[in-house]
Amino acid sequence: MGRTSINGVSIYYEVYGTGEPLLLIEGLGYASWMWFKQIPSFSRHFQTIIFDNRGAGRSDKPDLPYTAAMMAGDAAGLLDNLGIARAHVLGVSMGGFIAQELALSHPEMVASLILCCTSFGGPDSVPMTAQALDSMLKVDGLSAGQAIRQGLAVAFSPGYMEEHPDEVEQITAWRLARPTPPRYAWERQFSAAREFCSKNRLSNIRIPTLVLAGDRDVVLPPENARLLAGRITGAKLRMFSGGGHLFFIEQAEEFNRSVINFLAGLKDKS
């Protein structure tokens, strides 16, 4: 674990395992803790790099406008500072926006893309449900723990929280124990996500791409995955039955296997 300065912003990161580099990019307001079900699996096969985006976790939270391209620049700077010329890149939700921008602006650095529970953004994407939007924005008067659980209630598929209370408590505890983004920082990230749109640029992505989504996602509905995969040449699409927005936590074993098999298949072809 460590810190590195990128464009004057201190970025927190951790590196696990050896092998081909795999960079993981998390979503809006989340930090690198969220990969707790991926690190043990991925690090047996890859040099796995996780980090906190600007505005979240243990990275700096400058109070200025953010863009997905800016955060992609942070990711590129991290790889560069670690001496990594090229990596596989996996992004979830807003992290998928950042991953797309990284592949578009620094194509030489991205060996393959894995885009999870995400979209191409803009007016032609399928918007989140009103319930999901309310869970993010209507937090006045709630304690930090209440706001976290309110968000998890729409991020997980129906019934998951009730069936896994210990896991929900652990996630809540992690989020409370680590630096919670101040509201301004969360809003900076939210604005970056809201302004993102890659639809008319996706034909420029010409690397192996895997698109994954849960078919019960109400934050970024699964039709987005179909639209996204349809605009990237050769992209593979897989839907996880019963999975919510956090399907990679809910169905971690199958998710991890899908990612590992996809990347192993690329190695076999090289």
C-alpha atoms as a PDB file:
ATOM      1  CA  MET A   1       0.000   0.000   0.000  1.00  0.00           C
ATOM      2  CA  GLY A   2       1.152   3.519  -0.589  1.00  0.00           C
ATOM      3  CA  ARG A   3       0.479   6.946  -1.967  1.00  0.00           C
ATOM      4  CA  THR A   4       1.578   8.628  -5.144  1.00  0.00           C
ATOM      5  CA  SER A   5       1.160  12.183  -6.403  1.00  0.00           C
ATOM      6  CA  ILE A   6      -0.610  12.629  -9.729  1.00  0.00           C
ATOM      7  CA  ASN A   7      -1.227  16.128 -11.046  1.00  0.00           C
ATOM      8  CA  GLY A   8      -0.849  17.438  -7.517  1.00  0.00           C
ATOM      9  CA  VAL A   9      -3.391  14.985  -6.076  1.00  0.00           C
ATOM     10  CA  SER A  10      -2.322  12.299  -3.595  1.00  0.00           C
ATOM     11  CA  ILE A  11      -3.776   8.942  -4.662  1.00  0.00           C
ATOM     12  CA  TYR A  12      -3.923   5.985  -2.275  1.00  0.00           C
ATOM     13  CA  TYR A  13      -3.252   2.529  -3.775  1.00  0.00           C
ATOM     14  CA  GLU A  14      -2.527  -1.094  -2.915  1.00  0.00           C
ATOM     15  CA  VAL A  15      -0.867  -3.829  -5.000  1.00  0.00           C
ATOM     16  CA  TYR A  16      -1.331  -7.586  -4.552  1.00  0.00           C
ATOM     17  CA  GLY A  17       0.118 -10.635  -6.286  1.00  0.00           C
ATOM     18  CA  THR A  18       2.248 -11.076  -9.372  1.00  0.00           C
ATOM     19  CA  GLY A  19       1.589 -11.644 -13.048  1.00  0.00           C
ATOM     20  CA  GLU A  20      -0.023  -9.518 -15.717  1.00  0.00           C
ATOM     21  CA  PRO A  21      -1.269  -6.217 -14.240  1.00  0.00           C
ATOM     22  CA  LEU A  22      -5.000  -5.880 -13.552  1.00  0.00           C
ATOM     23  CA  LEU A  23      -6.269  -2.440 -12.485  1.00  0.00           C
ATOM     24  CA  LEU A  24      -9.596  -2.279 -10.624  1.00  0.00           C
ATOM     25  CA  ILE A  25     -11.598   0.969 -10.599  1.00  0.00           C
ATOM     26  CA  GLU A  26     -14.514   1.403  -8.196  1.00  0.00           C
ATOM     27  CA  GLY A  27     -17.695   3.402  -8.448  1.00  0.00           C
ATOM     28  CA  LEU A  28     -19.246   6.585  -7.118  1.00  0.00           C
ATOM     29  CA  GLY A  29     -18.358   7.321  -3.501  1.00  0.00           C
ATOM     30  CA  TYR A  30     -16.862   3.880  -2.951  1.00  0.00           C
ATOM     31  CA  ALA A  31     -13.256   3.126  -2.035  1.00  0.00           C
ATOM     32  CA  SER A  32     -10.876   0.220  -2.509  1.00  0.00           C
ATOM     33  CA  TRP A  33     -12.407  -1.770   0.380  1.00  0.00           C
ATOM     34  CA  MET A  34     -15.122  -2.852  -2.046  1.00  0.00           C
ATOM     35  CA  TRP A  35     -12.828  -5.412  -3.697  1.00  0.00           C
ATOM     36  CA  PHE A  36     -12.760  -7.637  -0.599  1.00  0.00           C
ATOM     37  CA  LYS A  37     -14.203 -10.585  -2.547  1.00  0.00           C
ATOM     38  CA  GLN A  38     -11.987 -10.049  -5.590  1.00  0.00           C
ATOM     39  CA  ILE A  39      -8.479  -9.522  -4.169  1.00  0.00           C
ATOM     40  CA  PRO A  40      -7.992 -13.073  -2.780  1.00  0.00           C
ATOM     41  CA  SER A  41      -8.996 -14.588  -6.121  1.00  0.00           C
ATOM     42  CA  PHE A  42      -7.475 -12.152  -8.608  1.00  0.00           C
ATOM     43  CA  SER A  43      -4.144 -11.835  -6.789  1.00  0.00           C
ATOM     44  CA  ARG A  44      -3.482 -15.546  -7.350  1.00  0.00           C
ATOM     45  CA  HIS A  45      -3.424 -14.884 -11.085  1.00  0.00           C
ATOM     46  CA  PHE A  46      -2.536 -11.219 -11.618  1.00  0.00           C
ATOM     47  CA  GLN A  47      -0.649  -8.279 -10.205  1.00  0.00           C
ATOM     48  CA  THR A  48      -3.818  -6.657  -8.896  1.00  0.00           C
ATOM     49  CA  ILE A  49      -3.822  -2.891  -8.368  1.00  0.00           C
ATOM     50  CA  ILE A  50      -6.585  -1.136  -6.451  1.00  0.00           C
ATOM     51  CA  PHE A  51      -6.808   2.546  -5.586  1.00  0.00           C
ATOM     52  CA  ASP A  52      -9.149   5.210  -4.277  1.00  0.00           C
ATOM     53  CA  ASN A  53     -10.416   7.654  -6.887  1.00  0.00           C
ATOM     54  CA  ARG A  54      -9.946  11.335  -6.172  1.00  0.00           C
ATOM     55  CA  GLY A  55     -12.785  12.416  -3.930  1.00  0.00           C
ATOM     56  CA  ALA A  56     -13.083   9.109  -2.065  1.00  0.00           C
ATOM     57  CA  GLY A  57     -11.387   6.886   0.482  1.00  0.00           C
ATOM     58  CA  ARG A  58      -7.847   7.797   1.435  1.00  0.00           C
ATOM     59  CA  SER A  59      -7.084   9.821  -1.699  1.00  0.00           C
ATOM     60  CA  ASP A  60      -7.199  13.615  -1.782  1.00  0.00           C
ATOM     61  CA  LYS A  61     -10.564  15.283  -2.262  1.00  0.00           C
ATOM     62  CA  PRO A  62      -9.930  18.579  -4.046  1.00  0.00           C
ATOM     63  CA  ASP A  63     -12.960  20.858  -4.175  1.00  0.00           C
ATOM     64  CA  LEU A  64     -12.981  21.540  -7.899  1.00  0.00           C
ATOM     65  CA  PRO A  65     -14.856  20.117 -10.891  1.00  0.00           C
ATOM     66  CA  TYR A  66     -14.105  16.460 -11.667  1.00  0.00           C
ATOM     67  CA  THR A  67     -14.551  14.671 -14.981  1.00  0.00           C
ATOM     68  CA  ALA A  68     -14.292  11.004 -15.884  1.00  0.00           C
ATOM     69  CA  ALA A  69     -11.393  11.946 -18.169  1.00  0.00           C
ATOM     70  CA  MET A  70      -9.627  13.628 -15.250  1.00  0.00           C
ATOM     71  CA  MET A  71     -10.025  10.516 -13.115  1.00  0.00           C
ATOM     72  CA  ALA A  72      -8.823   8.379 -16.021  1.00  0.00           C
ATOM     73  CA  GLY A  73      -5.744  10.599 -16.003  1.00  0.00           C
ATOM     74  CA  ASP A  74      -5.273   9.705 -12.341  1.00  0.00           C
ATOM     75  CA  ALA A  75      -5.456   6.008 -13.216  1.00  0.00           C
ATOM     76  CA  ALA A  76      -2.964   6.439 -16.058  1.00  0.00           C
ATOM     77  CA  GLY A  77      -0.651   8.384 -13.763  1.00  0.00           C
ATOM     78  CA  LEU A  78      -0.833   5.638 -11.152  1.00  0.00           C
ATOM     79  CA  LEU A  79       0.148   2.979 -13.676  1.00  0.00           C
ATOM     80  CA  ASP A  80       2.949   5.180 -14.950  1.00  0.00           C
ATOM     81  CA  ASN A  81       4.261   5.871 -11.452  1.00  0.00           C
ATOM     82  CA  LEU A  82       4.227   2.137 -10.728  1.00  0.00           C
ATOM     83  CA  GLY A  83       6.226   1.469 -13.885  1.00  0.00           C
ATOM     84  CA  ILE A  84       3.360  -0.417 -15.539  1.00  0.00           C
ATOM     85  CA  ALA A  85       3.206   0.207 -19.276  1.00  0.00           C
ATOM     86  CA  ARG A  86       0.028  -1.774 -19.959  1.00  0.00           C
ATOM     87  CA  ALA A  87      -2.700  -3.359 -17.856  1.00  0.00           C
ATOM     88  CA  HIS A  88      -6.029  -5.088 -18.061  1.00  0.00           C
ATOM     89  CA  VAL A  89      -8.611  -2.646 -16.697  1.00  0.00           C
ATOM     90  CA  LEU A  90     -11.814  -3.515 -14.831  1.00  0.00           C
ATOM     91  CA  GLY A  91     -14.278  -0.802 -13.859  1.00  0.00           C
ATOM     92  CA  VAL A  92     -17.615  -1.010 -12.065  1.00  0.00           C
ATOM     93  CA  SER A  93     -20.383   1.594 -12.324  1.00  0.00           C
ATOM     94  CA  MET A  94     -18.693   5.035 -12.460  1.00  0.00           C
ATOM     95  CA  GLY A  95     -15.441   3.081 -12.549  1.00  0.00           C
ATOM     96  CA  GLY A  96     -16.656   1.755 -15.886  1.00  0.00           C
ATOM     97  CA  PHE A  97     -16.895   5.334 -17.143  1.00  0.00           C
ATOM     98  CA  ILE A  98     -13.317   5.936 -16.010  1.00  0.00           C
ATOM     99  CA  ALA A  99     -12.166   2.681 -17.606  1.00  0.00           C
ATOM    100  CA  GLN A 100     -13.742   3.674 -20.927  1.00  0.00           C
ATOM    101  CA  GLU A 101     -12.045   7.069 -20.791  1.00  0.00           C
ATOM    102  CA  LEU A 102      -8.733   5.413 -19.977  1.00  0.00           C
ATOM    103  CA  ALA A 103      -9.038   3.122 -22.997  1.00  0.00           C
ATOM    104  CA  LEU A 104     -10.001   6.047 -25.233  1.00  0.00           C
ATOM    105  CA  SER A 105      -7.401   8.550 -24.056  1.00  0.00           C
ATOM    106  CA  HIS A 106      -4.530   6.141 -23.307  1.00  0.00           C
ATOM    107  CA  PRO A 107      -5.157   3.153 -25.609  1.00  0.00           C
ATOM    108  CA  GLU A 108      -1.542   2.076 -25.411  1.00  0.00           C
ATOM    109  CA  MET A 109      -1.935   1.458 -21.669  1.00  0.00           C
ATOM    110  CA  VAL A 110      -5.037  -0.779 -21.790  1.00  0.00           C
ATOM    111  CA  ALA A 111      -4.661  -4.420 -22.812  1.00  0.00           C
ATOM    112  CA  SER A 112      -8.323  -5.297 -22.308  1.00  0.00           C
ATOM    113  CA  LEU A 113     -11.490  -3.894 -20.741  1.00  0.00           C
ATOM    114  CA  ILE A 114     -13.952  -5.436 -18.321  1.00  0.00           C
ATOM    115  CA  LEU A 115     -16.946  -3.129 -17.877  1.00  0.00           C
ATOM    116  CA  CYS A 116     -19.358  -3.998 -15.086  1.00  0.00           C
ATOM    117  CA  CYS A 117     -22.785  -2.599 -14.158  1.00  0.00           C
ATOM    118  CA  THR A 118     -22.073   0.489 -16.238  1.00  0.00           C
ATOM    119  CA  SER A 119     -23.170   2.338 -19.386  1.00  0.00           C
ATOM    120  CA  PHE A 120     -21.993   4.734 -22.071  1.00  0.00           C
ATOM    121  CA  GLY A 121     -23.750   7.583 -20.257  1.00  0.00           C
ATOM    122  CA  GLY A 122     -25.507  10.525 -21.832  1.00  0.00           C
ATOM    123  CA  PRO A 123     -29.154  10.981 -22.848  1.00  0.00           C
ATOM    124  CA  ASP A 124     -29.367   7.719 -24.796  1.00  0.00           C
ATOM    125  CA  SER A 125     -28.459   5.512 -21.851  1.00  0.00           C
ATOM    126  CA  VAL A 126     -31.136   4.006 -19.610  1.00  0.00           C
ATOM    127  CA  PRO A 127     -31.378   6.156 -16.463  1.00  0.00           C
ATOM    128  CA  MET A 128     -31.393   4.844 -12.933  1.00  0.00           C
ATOM    129  CA  THR A 129     -34.767   4.330 -11.341  1.00  0.00           C
ATOM    130  CA  ALA A 130     -36.325   7.090  -9.256  1.00  0.00           C
ATOM    131  CA  GLN A 131     -35.915   4.854  -6.201  1.00  0.00           C
ATOM    132  CA  ALA A 132     -32.172   4.549  -6.777  1.00  0.00           C
ATOM    133  CA  LEU A 133     -31.753   8.270  -7.391  1.00  0.00           C
ATOM    134  CA  ASP A 134     -33.676   9.115  -4.227  1.00  0.00           C
ATOM    135  CA  SER A 135     -31.483   6.763  -2.202  1.00  0.00           C
ATOM    136  CA  MET A 136     -28.437   8.736  -3.306  1.00  0.00           C
ATOM    137  CA  LEU A 137     -29.782  12.255  -3.015  1.00  0.00           C
ATOM    138  CA  LYS A 138     -32.299  12.197  -0.160  1.00  0.00           C
ATOM    139  CA  VAL A 139     -29.956  11.787   2.798  1.00  0.00           C
ATOM    140  CA  ASP A 140     -30.692  14.936   4.804  1.00  0.00           C
ATOM    141  CA  GLY A 141     -31.337  14.065   8.430  1.00  0.00           C
ATOM    142  CA  LEU A 142     -29.875  10.569   8.137  1.00  0.00           C
ATOM    143  CA  SER A 143     -26.895   9.375  10.137  1.00  0.00           C
ATOM    144  CA  ALA A 144     -23.894   8.125   8.146  1.00  0.00           C
ATOM    145  CA  GLY A 145     -24.865   4.532   8.882  1.00  0.00           C
ATOM    146  CA  GLN A 146     -28.476   5.105   7.832  1.00  0.00           C
ATOM    147  CA  ALA A 147     -27.379   6.745   4.570  1.00  0.00           C
ATOM    148  CA  ILE A 148     -25.043   3.832   3.817  1.00  0.00           C
ATOM    149  CA  ARG A 149     -27.765   1.240   4.417  1.00  0.00           C
ATOM    150  CA  GLN A 150     -30.249   3.242   2.346  1.00  0.00           C
ATOM    151  CA  GLY A 151     -27.823   3.167  -0.570  1.00  0.00           C
ATOM    152  CA  LEU A 152     -27.065  -0.534  -0.129  1.00  0.00           C
ATOM    153  CA  ALA A 153     -30.779  -1.338  -0.157  1.00  0.00           C
ATOM    154  CA  VAL A 154     -31.027  -0.363  -3.829  1.00  0.00           C
ATOM    155  CA  ALA A 155     -27.509  -1.449  -4.812  1.00  0.00           C
ATOM    156  CA  PHE A 156     -28.111  -5.033  -3.721  1.00  0.00           C
ATOM    157  CA  SER A 157     -30.767  -7.220  -5.302  1.00  0.00           C
ATOM    158  CA  PRO A 158     -34.045  -7.642  -3.392  1.00  0.00           C
ATOM    159  CA  GLY A 159     -33.630  -9.832  -0.338  1.00  0.00           C
ATOM    160  CA  TYR A 160     -29.835  -9.924  -0.342  1.00  0.00           C
ATOM    161  CA  MET A 161     -29.393  -7.691   2.699  1.00  0.00           C
ATOM    162  CA  GLU A 162     -31.879  -9.731   4.714  1.00  0.00           C
ATOM    163  CA  GLU A 163     -30.153 -12.978   3.733  1.00  0.00           C
ATOM    164  CA  HIS A 164     -26.635 -11.673   4.472  1.00  0.00           C
ATOM    165  CA  PRO A 165     -26.955  -9.409   7.539  1.00  0.00           C
ATOM    166  CA  ASP A 166     -23.409 -10.046   8.769  1.00  0.00           C
ATOM    167  CA  GLU A 167     -21.938  -9.041   5.419  1.00  0.00           C
ATOM    168  CA  VAL A 168     -24.036  -5.878   5.327  1.00  0.00           C
ATOM    169  CA  GLU A 169     -22.855  -4.976   8.831  1.00  0.00           C
ATOM    170  CA  GLN A 170     -19.242  -5.576   7.802  1.00  0.00           C
ATOM    171  CA  ILE A 171     -19.595  -3.377   4.712  1.00  0.00           C
ATOM    172  CA  THR A 172     -21.253  -0.652   6.766  1.00  0.00           C
ATOM    173  CA  ALA A 173     -18.478  -0.860   9.365  1.00  0.00           C
ATOM    174  CA  TRP A 174     -15.784  -0.630   6.684  1.00  0.00           C
ATOM    175  CA  ARG A 175     -17.409   2.428   5.170  1.00  0.00           C
ATOM    176  CA  LEU A 176     -17.778   4.103   8.557  1.00  0.00           C
ATOM    177  CA  ALA A 177     -14.207   3.240   9.604  1.00  0.00           C
ATOM    178  CA  ARG A 178     -12.624   4.603   6.439  1.00  0.00           C
ATOM    179  CA  PRO A 179     -12.784   8.252   5.473  1.00  0.00           C
ATOM    180  CA  THR A 180     -16.334   8.942   4.334  1.00  0.00           C
ATOM    181  CA  PRO A 181     -16.348  11.356   1.381  1.00  0.00           C
ATOM    182  CA  PRO A 182     -17.552  14.785   2.455  1.00  0.00           C
ATOM    183  CA  ARG A 183     -20.723  15.735   0.624  1.00  0.00           C
ATOM    184  CA  TYR A 184     -18.920  18.157  -1.712  1.00  0.00           C
ATOM    185  CA  ALA A 185     -16.542  15.391  -2.852  1.00  0.00           C
ATOM    186  CA  TRP A 186     -19.393  12.959  -3.486  1.00  0.00           C
ATOM    187  CA  GLU A 187     -21.168  15.661  -5.492  1.00  0.00           C
ATOM    188  CA  ARG A 188     -18.004  16.297  -7.536  1.00  0.00           C
ATOM    189  CA  GLN A 189     -17.891  12.607  -8.450  1.00  0.00           C
ATOM    190  CA  PHE A 190     -21.640  12.550  -9.121  1.00  0.00           C
ATOM    191  CA  SER A 191     -21.303  15.499 -11.513  1.00  0.00           C
ATOM    192  CA  ALA A 192     -18.471  13.733 -13.347  1.00  0.00           C
ATOM    193  CA  ALA A 193     -20.646  10.645 -13.757  1.00  0.00           C
ATOM    194  CA  ARG A 194     -23.666  12.682 -14.854  1.00  0.00           C
ATOM    195  CA  GLU A 195     -21.677  14.523 -17.547  1.00  0.00           C
ATOM    196  CA  PHE A 196     -19.972  11.416 -18.941  1.00  0.00           C
ATOM    197  CA  CYS A 197     -20.893  10.195 -22.422  1.00  0.00           C
ATOM    198  CA  SER A 198     -18.868   7.859 -24.627  1.00  0.00           C
ATOM    199  CA  LYS A 199     -21.563   6.615 -27.024  1.00  0.00           C
ATOM    200  CA  ASN A 200     -20.172   8.192 -30.183  1.00  0.00           C
ATOM    201  CA  ARG A 201     -16.568   7.315 -29.331  1.00  0.00           C
ATOM    202  CA  LEU A 202     -16.931   3.624 -28.549  1.00  0.00           C
ATOM    203  CA  SER A 203     -16.049   2.559 -32.089  1.00  0.00           C
ATOM    204  CA  ASN A 204     -12.520   3.699 -31.237  1.00  0.00           C
ATOM    205  CA  ILE A 205     -12.186   0.951 -28.624  1.00  0.00           C
ATOM    206  CA  ARG A 206     -10.544  -1.945 -30.429  1.00  0.00           C
ATOM    207  CA  ILE A 207      -9.314  -4.142 -27.609  1.00  0.00           C
ATOM    208  CA  PRO A 208     -10.873  -7.278 -26.128  1.00  0.00           C
ATOM    209  CA  THR A 209     -13.836  -6.201 -24.008  1.00  0.00           C
ATOM    210  CA  LEU A 210     -16.111  -8.057 -21.613  1.00  0.00           C
ATOM    211  CA  VAL A 211     -19.347  -6.427 -20.416  1.00  0.00           C
ATOM    212  CA  LEU A 212     -20.974  -7.829 -17.266  1.00  0.00           C
ATOM    213  CA  ALA A 213     -24.161  -6.842 -15.432  1.00  0.00           C
ATOM    214  CA  GLY A 214     -26.768  -8.092 -13.004  1.00  0.00           C
ATOM    215  CA  ASP A 215     -30.193  -8.423 -14.574  1.00  0.00           C
ATOM    216  CA  ARG A 216     -31.914  -6.859 -11.519  1.00  0.00           C
ATOM    217  CA  ASP A 217     -29.761  -3.740 -11.353  1.00  0.00           C
ATOM    218  CA  VAL A 218     -31.892  -0.647 -10.669  1.00  0.00           C
ATOM    219  CA  VAL A 219     -28.960   1.777 -10.373  1.00  0.00           C
ATOM    220  CA  LEU A 220     -27.703   1.304 -13.931  1.00  0.00           C
ATOM    221  CA  PRO A 221     -30.368  -0.947 -15.483  1.00  0.00           C
ATOM    222  CA  PRO A 222     -29.082  -3.991 -17.405  1.00  0.00           C
ATOM    223  CA  GLU A 223     -30.246  -2.751 -20.795  1.00  0.00           C
ATOM    224  CA  ASN A 224     -27.264  -0.389 -20.561  1.00  0.00           C
ATOM    225  CA  ALA A 225     -24.923  -3.366 -20.724  1.00  0.00           C
ATOM    226  CA  ARG A 226     -26.571  -4.587 -23.916  1.00  0.00           C
ATOM    227  CA  LEU A 227     -26.371  -1.136 -25.502  1.00  0.00           C
ATOM    228  CA  LEU A 228     -22.746  -0.732 -24.436  1.00  0.00           C
ATOM    229  CA  ALA A 229     -21.627  -4.125 -25.707  1.00  0.00           C
ATOM    230  CA  GLY A 230     -23.416  -3.490 -28.981  1.00  0.00           C
ATOM    231  CA  ARG A 231     -21.262  -0.449 -29.733  1.00  0.00           C
ATOM    232  CA  ILE A 232     -17.848  -1.978 -28.959  1.00  0.00           C
ATOM    233  CA  THR A 233     -16.488  -4.174 -31.739  1.00  0.00           C
ATOM    234  CA  GLY A 234     -16.207  -7.787 -30.631  1.00  0.00           C
ATOM    235  CA  ALA A 235     -17.381  -7.152 -27.068  1.00  0.00           C
ATOM    236  CA  LYS A 236     -18.651 -10.136 -25.107  1.00  0.00           C
ATOM    237  CA  LEU A 237     -21.723  -9.736 -22.901  1.00  0.00           C
ATOM    238  CA  ARG A 238     -22.789 -11.739 -19.881  1.00  0.00           C
ATOM    239  CA  MET A 239     -25.770 -11.116 -17.619  1.00  0.00           C
ATOM    240  CA  PHE A 240     -25.883 -12.455 -14.058  1.00  0.00           C
ATOM    241  CA  SER A 241     -29.331 -13.791 -13.249  1.00  0.00           C
ATOM    242  CA  GLY A 242     -30.797 -12.222 -10.124  1.00  0.00           C
ATOM    243  CA  GLY A 243     -27.842  -9.884  -9.671  1.00  0.00           C
ATOM    244  CA  GLY A 244     -28.233  -6.315  -8.468  1.00  0.00           C
ATOM    245  CA  HIS A 245     -25.882  -3.391  -9.009  1.00  0.00           C
ATOM    246  CA  LEU A 246     -23.386  -5.001  -6.621  1.00  0.00           C
ATOM    247  CA  PHE A 247     -23.627  -8.379  -8.347  1.00  0.00           C
ATOM    248  CA  PHE A 248     -19.844  -8.763  -8.137  1.00  0.00           C
ATOM    249  CA  ILE A 249     -20.261  -8.979  -4.347  1.00  0.00           C
ATOM    250  CA  GLU A 250     -23.486 -11.015  -4.426  1.00  0.00           C
ATOM    251  CA  GLN A 251     -22.168 -13.567  -6.923  1.00  0.00           C
ATOM    252  CA  ALA A 252     -18.456 -13.073  -6.358  1.00  0.00           C
ATOM    253  CA  GLU A 253     -17.308 -16.609  -7.097  1.00  0.00           C
ATOM    254  CA  GLU A 254     -18.974 -16.694 -10.504  1.00  0.00           C
ATOM    255  CA  PHE A 255     -17.977 -13.098 -11.256  1.00  0.00           C
ATOM    256  CA  ASN A 256     -14.339 -13.778 -10.427  1.00  0.00           C
ATOM    257  CA  ARG A 257     -14.356 -16.928 -12.532  1.00  0.00           C
ATOM    258  CA  SER A 258     -15.795 -15.015 -15.501  1.00  0.00           C
ATOM    259  CA  VAL A 259     -13.057 -12.384 -15.302  1.00  0.00           C
ATOM    260  CA  ILE A 260     -10.240 -14.898 -14.841  1.00  0.00           C
ATOM    261  CA  ASN A 261     -11.475 -17.093 -17.693  1.00  0.00           C
ATOM    262  CA  PHE A 262     -11.838 -14.096 -20.004  1.00  0.00           C
ATOM    263  CA  LEU A 263      -8.287 -12.938 -19.329  1.00  0.00           C
ATOM    264  CA  ALA A 264      -6.901 -16.481 -19.516  1.00  0.00           C
ATOM    265  CA  GLY A 265      -8.522 -16.820 -22.928  1.00  0.00           C
ATOM    266  CA  LEU A 266      -6.691 -13.719 -24.134  1.00  0.00           C
ATOM    267  CA  LYS A 267      -3.396 -15.158 -22.936  1.00  0.00           C
ATOM    268  CA  ASP A 268      -4.070 -18.413 -24.773  1.00  0.00           C
ATOM    269  CA  LYS A 269      -4.608 -16.474 -28.018  1.00  0.00           C
ATOM    270  CA  SER A 270      -1.407 -14.441 -27.701  1.00  0.00           C
END
